[in-house]
Amino acid sequence: MSATSAATFVKKSVGWSIGLSVLMIVAGILAIALPLAAGIAVNVLTVLET
């Protein structure tokens, strides 16, 4: 693995990390603002998981 590919990997990882962090923050705000919808979403995901 060369230094260039390692730097590229780190840049992609940081981008994904920031993107997922923003998504989690938005999801948390929506869960607080709309608890009924959040509860339904959790139940749907639980049923789909099994």
C-alpha atoms as a PDB file:
ATOM      1  CA  MET A   1       0.000   0.000   0.000  1.00  0.00           C
ATOM      2  CA  SER A   2       1.558   3.281  -1.026  1.00  0.00           C
ATOM      3  CA  ALA A   3       1.299   6.608   0.778  1.00  0.00           C
ATOM      4  CA  THR A   4      -0.996   7.989  -1.922  1.00  0.00           C
ATOM      5  CA  SER A   5      -3.551   5.198  -1.591  1.00  0.00           C
ATOM      6  CA  ALA A   6      -3.428   5.457   2.205  1.00  0.00           C
ATOM      7  CA  ALA A   7      -4.139   9.188   2.010  1.00  0.00           C
ATOM      8  CA  THR A   8      -7.022   8.557  -0.381  1.00  0.00           C
ATOM      9  CA  PHE A   9      -8.454   5.925   1.950  1.00  0.00           C
ATOM     10  CA  VAL A  10      -8.274   8.313   4.910  1.00  0.00           C
ATOM     11  CA  LYS A  11     -10.004  11.093   2.947  1.00  0.00           C
ATOM     12  CA  LYS A  12     -12.829   8.756   1.937  1.00  0.00           C
ATOM     13  CA  SER A  13     -13.169   7.477   5.498  1.00  0.00           C
ATOM     14  CA  VAL A  14     -13.365  10.988   6.929  1.00  0.00           C
ATOM     15  CA  GLY A  15     -16.000  11.935   4.365  1.00  0.00           C
ATOM     16  CA  TRP A  16     -18.143   8.915   5.225  1.00  0.00           C
ATOM     17  CA  SER A  17     -17.714   9.538   8.932  1.00  0.00           C
ATOM     18  CA  ILE A  18     -18.863  13.148   8.657  1.00  0.00           C
ATOM     19  CA  GLY A  19     -21.789  12.173   6.434  1.00  0.00           C
ATOM     20  CA  LEU A  20     -22.988   9.458   8.788  1.00  0.00           C
ATOM     21  CA  SER A  21     -22.550  11.754  11.782  1.00  0.00           C
ATOM     22  CA  VAL A  22     -24.758  14.402  10.190  1.00  0.00           C
ATOM     23  CA  LEU A  23     -27.341  11.746   9.325  1.00  0.00           C
ATOM     24  CA  MET A  24     -27.363  10.465  12.924  1.00  0.00           C
ATOM     25  CA  ILE A  25     -27.788  14.000  14.294  1.00  0.00           C
ATOM     26  CA  VAL A  26     -30.728  14.667  11.967  1.00  0.00           C
ATOM     27  CA  ALA A  27     -32.299  11.315  12.871  1.00  0.00           C
ATOM     28  CA  GLY A  28     -31.917  12.110  16.576  1.00  0.00           C
ATOM     29  CA  ILE A  29     -33.540  15.516  16.187  1.00  0.00           C
ATOM     30  CA  LEU A  30     -36.418  13.960  14.272  1.00  0.00           C
ATOM     31  CA  ALA A  31     -36.797  11.234  16.914  1.00  0.00           C
ATOM     32  CA  ILE A  32     -37.115  13.889  19.615  1.00  0.00           C
ATOM     33  CA  ALA A  33     -39.503  16.026  17.551  1.00  0.00           C
ATOM     34  CA  LEU A  34     -41.671  13.132  16.343  1.00  0.00           C
ATOM     35  CA  PRO A  35     -41.636  10.381  18.988  1.00  0.00           C
ATOM     36  CA  LEU A  36     -44.623   8.517  17.530  1.00  0.00           C
ATOM     37  CA  ALA A  37     -42.996   8.246  14.117  1.00  0.00           C
ATOM     38  CA  ALA A  38     -39.702   7.232  15.742  1.00  0.00           C
ATOM     39  CA  GLY A  39     -41.437   4.467  17.683  1.00  0.00           C
ATOM     40  CA  ILE A  40     -43.137   3.153  14.582  1.00  0.00           C
ATOM     41  CA  ALA A  41     -39.855   3.223  12.652  1.00  0.00           C
ATOM     42  CA  VAL A  42     -38.071   1.264  15.396  1.00  0.00           C
ATOM     43  CA  ASN A  43     -40.818  -1.346  15.440  1.00  0.00           C
ATOM     44  CA  VAL A  44     -40.747  -1.700  11.655  1.00  0.00           C
ATOM     45  CA  LEU A  45     -36.978  -2.120  11.657  1.00  0.00           C
ATOM     46  CA  THR A  46     -37.218  -4.683  14.450  1.00  0.00           C
ATOM     47  CA  VAL A  47     -39.766  -6.721  12.500  1.00  0.00           C
ATOM     48  CA  LEU A  48     -37.662  -6.533   9.325  1.00  0.00           C
ATOM     49  CA  GLU A  49     -34.590  -7.687  11.238  1.00  0.00           C
ATOM     50  CA  THR A  50     -36.160 -10.983  12.308  1.00  0.00           C
END
